[in-house]
């Protein structure tokens, strides 16, 4: 009986683990639902990649807009969007703060 208890406590590794998970998924979802689930996961992954690319383009356009149009109003709009207090900053300090905040959010 002790040997059986020890055997049950062992965690399968490698291919056994994959087979156990596959059997559980097969029993839970059934044969007909698995291709549909895989298709939905693929679509979700593609949508995530598209949204990430769109966000990167938007950040780049904001950076380009700030660099090309250095008007104080645009700088303050971008700073307010990023949550930067710009009341006591010069234009150059504000540009550096915006660039730092954008780079910080990119790494997160």
N, C-alpha and C. Protein backbone atom coordinates (compact mmCIF):
# COMPACT_ATOMS: atom_id res chain seq x y z
N UNK A 1 0.83 -1.19 0.00
CA UNK A 1 0.00 0.00 0.00
C UNK A 1 0.87 1.26 0.00
N UNK A 2 1.98 1.21 0.70
CA UNK A 2 2.88 2.35 0.75
C UNK A 2 3.47 2.61 -0.63
N UNK A 3 3.79 1.59 -1.36
CA UNK A 3 4.34 1.76 -2.70
C UNK A 3 3.34 2.43 -3.62
N UNK A 4 2.08 2.07 -3.51
CA UNK A 4 1.04 2.69 -4.33
C UNK A 4 0.91 4.17 -4.01
N UNK A 5 0.99 4.54 -2.72
CA UNK A 5 0.92 5.94 -2.30
C UNK A 5 2.07 6.75 -2.86
N UNK A 6 3.26 6.19 -2.82
CA UNK A 6 4.43 6.87 -3.37
C UNK A 6 4.31 7.04 -4.88
N UNK A 7 3.77 6.02 -5.54
CA UNK A 7 3.61 6.09 -6.99
C UNK A 7 2.61 7.18 -7.37
N UNK A 8 1.55 7.34 -6.62
CA UNK A 8 0.54 8.36 -6.92
C UNK A 8 1.06 9.77 -6.68
N UNK A 9 2.02 9.91 -5.76
CA UNK A 9 2.56 11.23 -5.47
C UNK A 9 3.58 11.70 -6.51
N UNK A 10 4.07 10.78 -7.32
CA UNK A 10 5.04 11.16 -8.34
C UNK A 10 4.35 11.94 -9.44
N UNK A 11 4.99 13.01 -9.86
CA UNK A 11 4.46 13.84 -10.94
C UNK A 11 5.05 13.36 -12.24
N UNK A 12 4.20 13.06 -13.21
CA UNK A 12 4.75 12.59 -14.49
C UNK A 12 5.51 13.71 -15.19
N UNK A 13 6.52 13.34 -15.92
CA UNK A 13 7.31 14.33 -16.64
C UNK A 13 7.41 13.97 -18.11
N UNK A 14 7.73 14.95 -18.92
CA UNK A 14 7.95 14.70 -20.33
C UNK A 14 6.69 14.37 -21.09
N UNK A 15 6.77 13.33 -21.91
CA UNK A 15 5.69 12.98 -22.84
C UNK A 15 4.45 12.48 -22.09
N UNK A 16 4.64 11.87 -20.91
CA UNK A 16 3.48 11.40 -20.15
C UNK A 16 2.58 12.57 -19.77
N UNK A 17 3.18 13.66 -19.37
CA UNK A 17 2.44 14.86 -18.96
C UNK A 17 1.64 15.41 -20.14
N UNK A 18 2.23 15.45 -21.29
CA UNK A 18 1.55 15.94 -22.50
C UNK A 18 0.37 15.04 -22.84
N UNK A 19 0.57 13.73 -22.74
CA UNK A 19 -0.51 12.79 -23.04
C UNK A 19 -1.66 12.94 -22.05
N UNK A 20 -1.34 13.10 -20.78
CA UNK A 20 -2.40 13.26 -19.77
C UNK A 20 -3.20 14.53 -20.03
N UNK A 21 -2.53 15.62 -20.33
CA UNK A 21 -3.23 16.87 -20.62
C UNK A 21 -4.08 16.73 -21.87
N UNK A 22 -3.56 16.09 -22.90
CA UNK A 22 -4.31 15.90 -24.14
C UNK A 22 -5.57 15.08 -23.90
N UNK A 23 -5.46 14.05 -23.10
CA UNK A 23 -6.63 13.21 -22.79
C UNK A 23 -7.67 14.01 -22.01
N UNK A 24 -7.23 14.79 -21.03
CA UNK A 24 -8.16 15.61 -20.25
C UNK A 24 -8.87 16.61 -21.15
N UNK A 25 -8.13 17.28 -22.02
CA UNK A 25 -8.74 18.25 -22.95
C UNK A 25 -9.71 17.54 -23.87
N UNK A 26 -9.34 16.39 -24.35
CA UNK A 26 -10.22 15.62 -25.25
C UNK A 26 -11.52 15.23 -24.54
N UNK A 27 -11.41 14.79 -23.30
CA UNK A 27 -12.61 14.42 -22.54
C UNK A 27 -13.47 15.64 -22.20
N UNK A 28 -12.83 16.74 -21.89
CA UNK A 28 -13.56 17.94 -21.46
C UNK A 28 -14.27 18.62 -22.63
N UNK A 29 -13.58 18.80 -23.74
CA UNK A 29 -14.14 19.56 -24.86
C UNK A 29 -14.74 18.68 -25.97
N UNK A 30 -14.25 17.51 -26.14
CA UNK A 30 -14.73 16.65 -27.22
C UNK A 30 -13.94 16.88 -28.49
N UNK A 31 -14.05 15.95 -29.41
CA UNK A 31 -13.27 15.96 -30.63
C UNK A 31 -13.66 17.11 -31.55
N UNK A 32 -14.93 17.46 -31.59
CA UNK A 32 -15.41 18.48 -32.52
C UNK A 32 -15.03 19.89 -32.11
N UNK A 33 -14.85 20.14 -30.83
CA UNK A 33 -14.57 21.50 -30.34
C UNK A 33 -13.08 21.87 -30.39
N UNK A 34 -12.20 20.91 -30.43
CA UNK A 34 -10.77 21.20 -30.36
C UNK A 34 -10.29 22.04 -31.55
N UNK A 35 -10.65 21.72 -32.81
CA UNK A 35 -10.21 22.59 -33.91
C UNK A 35 -10.77 24.01 -33.79
N UNK A 36 -12.00 24.12 -33.29
CA UNK A 36 -12.59 25.45 -33.11
C UNK A 36 -11.83 26.24 -32.04
N UNK A 37 -11.46 25.57 -30.96
CA UNK A 37 -10.67 26.24 -29.91
C UNK A 37 -9.32 26.69 -30.45
N UNK A 38 -8.66 25.85 -31.20
CA UNK A 38 -7.36 26.21 -31.78
C UNK A 38 -7.50 27.39 -32.72
N UNK A 39 -8.55 27.41 -33.52
CA UNK A 39 -8.80 28.52 -34.44
C UNK A 39 -9.03 29.82 -33.66
N UNK A 40 -9.81 29.76 -32.59
CA UNK A 40 -10.08 30.95 -31.78
C UNK A 40 -8.82 31.47 -31.09
N UNK A 41 -7.98 30.56 -30.63
CA UNK A 41 -6.72 30.98 -30.02
C UNK A 41 -5.83 31.66 -31.06
N UNK A 42 -5.79 31.14 -32.26
CA UNK A 42 -5.01 31.76 -33.34
C UNK A 42 -5.53 33.15 -33.68
N UNK A 43 -6.85 33.30 -33.74
CA UNK A 43 -7.44 34.61 -34.04
C UNK A 43 -7.12 35.60 -32.93
N UNK A 44 -7.21 35.17 -31.68
CA UNK A 44 -6.92 36.06 -30.55
C UNK A 44 -5.46 36.50 -30.58
N UNK A 45 -4.58 35.58 -30.92
CA UNK A 45 -3.16 35.92 -31.01
C UNK A 45 -2.91 36.94 -32.12
N UNK A 46 -3.56 36.76 -33.25
CA UNK A 46 -3.40 37.71 -34.36
C UNK A 46 -3.94 39.09 -33.99
N UNK A 47 -5.08 39.14 -33.31
CA UNK A 47 -5.65 40.42 -32.88
C UNK A 47 -4.73 41.12 -31.90
N UNK A 48 -4.11 40.36 -30.99
CA UNK A 48 -3.17 40.94 -30.04
C UNK A 48 -1.97 41.56 -30.77
N UNK A 49 -1.45 40.85 -31.74
CA UNK A 49 -0.30 41.37 -32.50
C UNK A 49 -0.68 42.64 -33.27
N UNK A 50 -1.88 42.66 -33.86
CA UNK A 50 -2.33 43.85 -34.58
C UNK A 50 -2.47 45.04 -33.65
N UNK A 51 -3.05 44.81 -32.46
CA UNK A 51 -3.22 45.90 -31.50
C UNK A 51 -1.87 46.42 -31.00
N UNK A 52 -0.93 45.51 -30.81
CA UNK A 52 0.40 45.92 -30.37
C UNK A 52 1.10 46.77 -31.43
N UNK A 53 0.99 46.37 -32.69
CA UNK A 53 1.59 47.14 -33.78
C UNK A 53 0.93 48.51 -33.89
N UNK A 54 -0.40 48.56 -33.74
CA UNK A 54 -1.11 49.84 -33.81
C UNK A 54 -0.69 50.75 -32.66
N UNK A 55 -0.51 50.20 -31.47
CA UNK A 55 -0.08 51.00 -30.33
C UNK A 55 1.34 51.54 -30.55
N UNK A 56 2.22 50.71 -31.08
CA UNK A 56 3.59 51.17 -31.37
C UNK A 56 3.58 52.29 -32.41
N UNK A 57 2.73 52.16 -33.43
CA UNK A 57 2.63 53.22 -34.45
C UNK A 57 2.10 54.52 -33.84
N UNK A 58 1.11 54.40 -32.95
CA UNK A 58 0.55 55.59 -32.31
C UNK A 58 1.59 56.28 -31.44
N UNK A 59 2.36 55.51 -30.71
CA UNK A 59 3.43 56.10 -29.88
C UNK A 59 4.45 56.79 -30.77
N UNK A 60 4.82 56.15 -31.86
CA UNK A 60 5.80 56.76 -32.77
C UNK A 60 5.24 58.03 -33.40
N UNK A 61 3.95 58.04 -33.74
CA UNK A 61 3.38 59.25 -34.34
C UNK A 61 3.33 60.38 -33.32
N UNK A 62 3.07 60.06 -32.06
CA UNK A 62 3.09 61.10 -31.01
C UNK A 62 4.49 61.65 -30.86
N UNK A 63 5.48 60.75 -30.84
CA UNK A 63 6.87 61.22 -30.72
C UNK A 63 7.25 62.08 -31.92
N UNK A 64 6.87 61.66 -33.12
CA UNK A 64 7.18 62.44 -34.32
C UNK A 64 6.47 63.79 -34.29
N UNK A 65 5.22 63.79 -33.85
CA UNK A 65 4.44 65.02 -33.78
C UNK A 65 5.07 66.01 -32.81
N UNK A 66 5.53 65.50 -31.67
CA UNK A 66 6.16 66.37 -30.68
C UNK A 66 7.47 66.93 -31.22
N UNK A 67 8.22 66.12 -31.94
CA UNK A 67 9.50 66.58 -32.48
C UNK A 67 9.31 67.54 -33.65
N UNK A 68 8.31 67.31 -34.49
CA UNK A 68 8.10 68.14 -35.67
C UNK A 68 7.37 69.45 -35.35
N UNK A 69 6.42 69.39 -34.44
CA UNK A 69 5.64 70.57 -34.06
C UNK A 69 5.89 70.91 -32.60
N UNK A 70 6.92 71.69 -32.35
CA UNK A 70 7.31 71.92 -30.97
C UNK A 70 6.47 72.96 -30.24
N UNK A 71 5.25 73.22 -30.68
CA UNK A 71 4.40 74.20 -30.00
C UNK A 71 4.09 73.78 -28.58
N UNK A 72 4.02 74.76 -27.69
CA UNK A 72 3.81 74.47 -26.28
C UNK A 72 2.47 73.77 -26.04
N UNK A 73 1.45 74.13 -26.79
CA UNK A 73 0.14 73.52 -26.60
C UNK A 73 0.16 72.02 -26.86
N UNK A 74 0.83 71.62 -27.94
CA UNK A 74 0.94 70.19 -28.26
C UNK A 74 1.71 69.46 -27.16
N UNK A 75 2.81 70.08 -26.71
CA UNK A 75 3.61 69.47 -25.66
C UNK A 75 2.78 69.27 -24.39
N UNK A 76 2.00 70.28 -24.04
CA UNK A 76 1.18 70.17 -22.83
C UNK A 76 0.08 69.12 -22.99
N UNK A 77 -0.49 69.02 -24.19
CA UNK A 77 -1.51 67.99 -24.42
C UNK A 77 -0.94 66.59 -24.23
N UNK A 78 0.23 66.36 -24.82
CA UNK A 78 0.87 65.05 -24.70
C UNK A 78 1.27 64.79 -23.25
N UNK A 79 1.81 65.82 -22.58
CA UNK A 79 2.21 65.67 -21.18
C UNK A 79 1.01 65.35 -20.30
N UNK A 80 -0.10 66.01 -20.51
CA UNK A 80 -1.30 65.73 -19.73
C UNK A 80 -1.81 64.33 -19.98
N UNK A 81 -1.72 63.86 -21.22
CA UNK A 81 -2.13 62.50 -21.55
C UNK A 81 -1.27 61.48 -20.80
N UNK A 82 0.01 61.78 -20.66
CA UNK A 82 0.93 60.87 -19.98
C UNK A 82 0.95 61.07 -18.47
N UNK A 83 0.25 62.08 -17.97
CA UNK A 83 0.19 62.33 -16.53
C UNK A 83 1.39 63.09 -16.00
N UNK A 84 1.97 63.95 -16.81
CA UNK A 84 3.14 64.73 -16.40
C UNK A 84 2.67 66.14 -16.03
N UNK A 85 3.14 66.62 -14.86
CA UNK A 85 2.82 67.99 -14.45
C UNK A 85 3.79 68.93 -15.17
N UNK A 86 3.25 69.77 -16.06
CA UNK A 86 4.11 70.58 -16.92
C UNK A 86 4.05 72.07 -16.57
N UNK A 87 3.51 72.43 -15.43
CA UNK A 87 3.32 73.84 -15.11
C UNK A 87 4.63 74.59 -14.91
N UNK A 88 5.65 73.95 -14.38
CA UNK A 88 6.89 74.66 -14.08
C UNK A 88 8.06 74.22 -14.97
N UNK A 89 7.78 73.60 -16.09
CA UNK A 89 8.85 73.08 -16.96
C UNK A 89 9.00 73.95 -18.20
N UNK A 90 10.25 74.03 -18.66
CA UNK A 90 10.50 74.67 -19.94
C UNK A 90 10.14 73.68 -21.05
N UNK A 91 10.14 74.16 -22.27
CA UNK A 91 9.81 73.29 -23.40
C UNK A 91 10.78 72.12 -23.50
N UNK A 92 12.06 72.39 -23.33
CA UNK A 92 13.07 71.34 -23.44
C UNK A 92 12.92 70.32 -22.31
N UNK A 93 12.69 70.79 -21.09
CA UNK A 93 12.48 69.86 -19.96
C UNK A 93 11.23 69.01 -20.19
N UNK A 94 10.22 69.64 -20.76
CA UNK A 94 8.97 68.93 -21.03
C UNK A 94 9.18 67.85 -22.09
N UNK A 95 9.95 68.17 -23.13
CA UNK A 95 10.26 67.18 -24.16
C UNK A 95 11.00 65.99 -23.56
N UNK A 96 11.97 66.26 -22.69
CA UNK A 96 12.74 65.18 -22.06
C UNK A 96 11.84 64.34 -21.16
N UNK A 97 10.95 64.98 -20.42
CA UNK A 97 10.04 64.24 -19.53
C UNK A 97 9.09 63.35 -20.33
N UNK A 98 8.59 63.88 -21.45
CA UNK A 98 7.69 63.10 -22.31
C UNK A 98 8.44 61.91 -22.89
N UNK A 99 9.65 62.14 -23.38
CA UNK A 99 10.44 61.06 -23.97
C UNK A 99 10.75 59.98 -22.92
N UNK A 100 11.10 60.42 -21.71
CA UNK A 100 11.38 59.47 -20.63
C UNK A 100 10.15 58.66 -20.28
N UNK A 101 8.99 59.30 -20.18
CA UNK A 101 7.75 58.60 -19.83
C UNK A 101 7.34 57.62 -20.91
N UNK A 102 7.49 57.99 -22.16
CA UNK A 102 7.15 57.07 -23.26
C UNK A 102 8.07 55.87 -23.26
N UNK A 103 9.37 56.08 -23.06
CA UNK A 103 10.31 54.97 -23.03
C UNK A 103 10.05 54.07 -21.82
N UNK A 104 9.65 54.66 -20.69
CA UNK A 104 9.33 53.88 -19.50
C UNK A 104 8.12 53.00 -19.75
N UNK A 105 7.10 53.53 -20.40
CA UNK A 105 5.88 52.75 -20.68
C UNK A 105 6.13 51.69 -21.74
N UNK A 106 7.09 51.94 -22.63
CA UNK A 106 7.42 50.96 -23.67
C UNK A 106 8.05 49.72 -23.05
N UNK A 107 8.91 49.92 -22.05
CA UNK A 107 9.62 48.79 -21.43
C UNK A 107 8.70 47.98 -20.54
N UNK A 108 7.60 48.55 -20.11
CA UNK A 108 6.65 47.82 -19.25
C UNK A 108 5.82 46.97 -20.08
